Amino acid sequence: MFKELGLPNFTANAFLYMGDSHYRSGDPAAGLNTPPPREVWEAMFEQARLAQEIRSIVDAPVFVLSAYRSPEYNAALPNAGRRSQHLFGRATDIRSTAGEPALFAAAMRLRRLGKFSGGIGRYDWGIHFDHRGRDANWDFRSPKKKRARKKTAKKAARKKIARKKIAKKKKGGER
């Protein structure tokens, strides 16, 4: 069934990865995840299609960190929501060599284009995206990453103002 989706950069195994905590011995969630039940497959197929579109936009490898989570596994994860979209196959956590900002921008672009309605979360490791049916955004990056992003944005704004001033001077000087 998965091959019929025609996704050039993903296999079913990418979406069947059970999450790092499932495989980490000594972790409270170790061994608790299960393969997704059949009733969530269609939602996972939609997530796979969205992941492929994100991959096409960033034009760099994208890695699935988490897709479906069993209720037992989800409950054992320290920061997982009780009604996480992962429980229903409607959420995927990804990272990429392109970096978190590129993934975030790609997911936002797809949502703006109406490709999905759902949540986009920013993390140091990458992004979470889901198709819950209503838009939501959150930012759980470390303070250091957030500050670096703000500094970059401020620097870009200063450069833009400087370019405008230079252009204005040139325009005035040509008269």
Protein backbone atom coordinates (compact mmCIF):
# COMPACT_ATOMS: atom_id res chain seq x y z
CA MET A 1 0.00 0.00 0.00
CA PHE A 2 2.73 2.46 0.94
CA LYS A 3 4.56 2.01 -2.37
CA GLU A 4 1.38 3.10 -4.17
CA LEU A 5 1.81 6.57 -2.65
CA GLY A 6 4.74 7.08 -5.04
CA LEU A 7 6.99 8.88 -2.55
CA PRO A 8 10.51 9.00 -4.00
CA ASN A 9 12.31 9.78 -0.72
CA PHE A 10 10.49 7.69 1.90
CA THR A 11 9.74 4.05 2.59
CA ALA A 12 7.16 2.60 4.94
CA ASN A 13 9.98 1.75 7.35
CA ALA A 14 10.68 5.45 7.89
CA PHE A 15 7.17 5.87 9.31
CA LEU A 16 7.33 2.62 11.26
CA TYR A 17 10.35 3.76 13.28
CA MET A 18 9.17 3.47 16.88
CA GLY A 19 11.12 6.38 18.33
CA ASP A 20 14.46 6.62 20.13
CA SER A 21 12.97 6.02 23.58
CA HIS A 22 11.46 2.71 22.42
CA TYR A 23 14.94 1.37 21.62
CA ARG A 24 16.89 2.95 24.51
CA SER A 25 17.37 0.40 27.29
CA GLY A 26 16.66 1.83 30.72
CA ASP A 27 14.30 4.46 29.29
CA PRO A 28 10.84 4.38 30.94
CA ALA A 29 9.33 4.10 27.43
CA ALA A 30 11.68 1.31 26.25
CA GLY A 31 9.84 -1.41 24.37
CA LEU A 32 6.40 0.18 24.81
CA ASN A 33 5.62 1.35 21.27
CA THR A 34 3.78 -0.90 18.82
CA PRO A 35 3.23 -0.91 15.07
CA PRO A 36 0.34 1.37 14.08
CA PRO A 37 -3.10 -0.24 14.02
CA ARG A 38 -4.84 -0.39 10.65
CA GLU A 39 -7.33 2.36 11.58
CA VAL A 40 -4.54 5.00 11.62
CA TRP A 41 -2.90 4.00 8.33
CA GLU A 42 -4.79 6.52 6.18
CA ALA A 43 -3.78 9.37 8.50
CA MET A 44 -0.17 8.15 8.35
CA PHE A 45 -0.31 8.08 4.55
CA GLU A 46 -1.34 11.75 4.62
CA GLN A 47 1.57 12.52 6.96
CA ALA A 48 3.93 10.70 4.57
CA ARG A 49 2.66 12.78 1.63
CA LEU A 50 3.21 15.98 3.62
CA ALA A 51 6.71 14.85 4.66
CA GLN A 52 7.52 14.26 0.98
CA GLU A 53 6.34 17.77 0.09
CA ILE A 54 8.47 19.24 2.88
CA ARG A 55 11.42 17.15 1.63
CA SER A 56 10.90 18.49 -1.90
CA ILE A 57 10.87 22.10 -0.68
CA VAL A 58 14.00 21.86 1.50
CA ASP A 59 15.77 19.75 -1.16
CA ALA A 60 17.75 17.88 1.50
CA PRO A 61 17.42 14.55 3.32
CA VAL A 62 14.60 14.42 5.88
CA PHE A 63 14.55 11.85 8.68
CA VAL A 64 11.45 10.66 10.54
CA LEU A 65 12.05 10.65 14.30
CA SER A 66 8.54 9.73 15.42
CA ALA A 67 5.22 9.00 13.75
CA TYR A 68 2.65 6.71 15.39
CA ARG A 69 2.83 6.26 19.18
CA SER A 70 0.91 3.66 21.14
CA PRO A 71 -0.98 4.99 24.18
CA GLU A 72 1.43 3.19 26.55
CA TYR A 73 4.50 4.58 24.82
CA ASN A 74 3.08 8.10 24.63
CA ALA A 75 2.17 8.03 28.35
CA ALA A 76 5.77 7.08 29.22
CA LEU A 77 7.27 10.05 27.35
CA PRO A 78 7.89 12.97 29.72
CA ASN A 79 6.63 15.86 27.57
CA ALA A 80 4.04 14.14 25.38
CA GLY A 81 0.49 15.45 25.48
CA ARG A 82 -2.28 13.14 26.67
CA ARG A 83 -4.16 13.73 23.39
CA SER A 84 -1.09 13.81 21.16
CA GLN A 85 -1.82 13.61 17.44
CA HIS A 86 0.82 10.84 17.29
CA LEU A 87 -1.75 8.54 18.95
CA PHE A 88 -3.97 8.88 15.88
CA GLY A 89 -1.24 8.70 13.22
CA ARG A 90 -1.78 12.39 12.41
CA ALA A 91 1.65 13.66 13.57
CA THR A 92 5.27 13.29 12.51
CA ASP A 93 8.50 14.57 14.03
CA ILE A 94 11.28 15.16 11.51
CA ARG A 95 14.80 16.52 11.27
CA SER A 96 16.89 17.40 8.24
CA THR A 97 20.39 18.29 7.17
CA ALA A 98 18.75 21.50 5.92
CA GLY A 99 18.12 22.50 9.54
CA GLU A 100 15.09 23.38 11.65
CA PRO A 101 14.49 26.86 10.12
CA ALA A 102 14.20 25.37 6.62
CA LEU A 103 11.81 22.64 7.80
CA PHE A 104 9.68 25.17 9.66
CA ALA A 105 9.50 27.49 6.64
CA ALA A 106 8.55 24.58 4.36
CA ALA A 107 5.76 23.38 6.68
CA MET A 108 4.44 26.94 7.08
CA ARG A 109 4.44 27.35 3.28
CA LEU A 110 2.44 24.16 2.78
CA ARG A 111 -0.06 25.20 5.41
CA ARG A 112 -0.43 28.67 3.85
CA LEU A 113 -1.05 26.98 0.49
CA GLY A 114 -3.88 24.98 2.07
CA LYS A 115 -2.13 21.60 1.85
CA PHE A 116 -3.03 20.87 5.47
CA SER A 117 -4.59 22.38 8.55
CA GLY A 118 -2.72 21.54 11.71
CA GLY A 119 0.07 22.13 14.14
CA ILE A 120 3.69 23.03 13.56
CA GLY A 121 6.07 22.87 16.48
CA ARG A 122 9.68 24.04 16.56
CA TYR A 123 12.33 22.13 18.52
CA ASP A 124 16.13 22.17 18.62
CA TRP A 125 16.18 18.81 16.83
CA GLY A 126 13.69 19.70 14.05
CA ILE A 127 9.93 20.12 13.75
CA HIS A 128 6.66 18.42 14.59
CA PHE A 129 3.82 18.75 12.11
CA ASP A 130 0.33 17.30 12.22
CA HIS A 131 -3.00 17.54 10.46
CA ARG A 132 -5.32 17.99 13.45
CA GLY A 133 -7.79 20.11 11.47
CA ARG A 134 -6.98 23.46 13.09
CA ASP A 135 -3.83 25.53 12.96
CA ALA A 136 -1.52 25.78 15.95
CA ASN A 137 2.11 26.86 16.36
CA TRP A 138 4.54 26.46 19.23
CA ASP A 139 8.22 26.95 19.86
CA PHE A 140 10.04 24.67 22.29
CA ARG A 141 13.56 25.50 21.10
CA SER A 142 16.11 26.21 23.77
CA PRO A 143 16.49 29.88 24.81
CA LYS A 144 19.95 29.93 23.19
CA LYS A 145 18.51 28.94 19.79
CA LYS A 146 15.69 31.48 20.11
CA ARG A 147 18.16 34.28 20.94
CA ALA A 148 20.35 33.36 17.97
CA ARG A 149 17.30 33.54 15.70
CA LYS A 150 16.30 36.95 17.10
CA LYS A 151 19.83 38.29 16.63
CA THR A 152 19.82 37.08 13.02
CA ALA A 153 16.42 38.71 12.39
CA LYS A 154 17.56 42.01 13.96
CA LYS A 155 20.76 41.97 11.93
CA ALA A 156 18.78 41.36 8.72
CA ALA A 157 16.43 44.23 9.59
CA ARG A 158 19.39 46.59 10.19
CA LYS A 159 20.90 45.57 6.83
CA LYS A 160 17.60 46.20 5.09
CA ILE A 161 17.35 49.69 6.60
CA ALA A 162 20.95 50.41 5.61
CA ARG A 163 20.28 49.28 2.02
CA LYS A 164 17.23 51.55 1.85
CA LYS A 165 19.28 54.51 3.10
CA ILE A 166 21.99 53.85 0.51
CA ALA A 167 19.40 53.51 -2.24
CA LYS A 168 17.75 56.74 -1.13
CA LYS A 169 21.11 58.59 -1.16
CA LYS A 170 21.92 57.24 -4.62
CA LYS A 171 18.53 58.26 -5.91
CA GLY A 172 18.93 61.74 -4.46
CA GLY A 173 22.47 62.04 -5.84
CA GLU A 174 21.48 61.22 -9.39
CA ARG A 175 19.15 64.21 -9.80
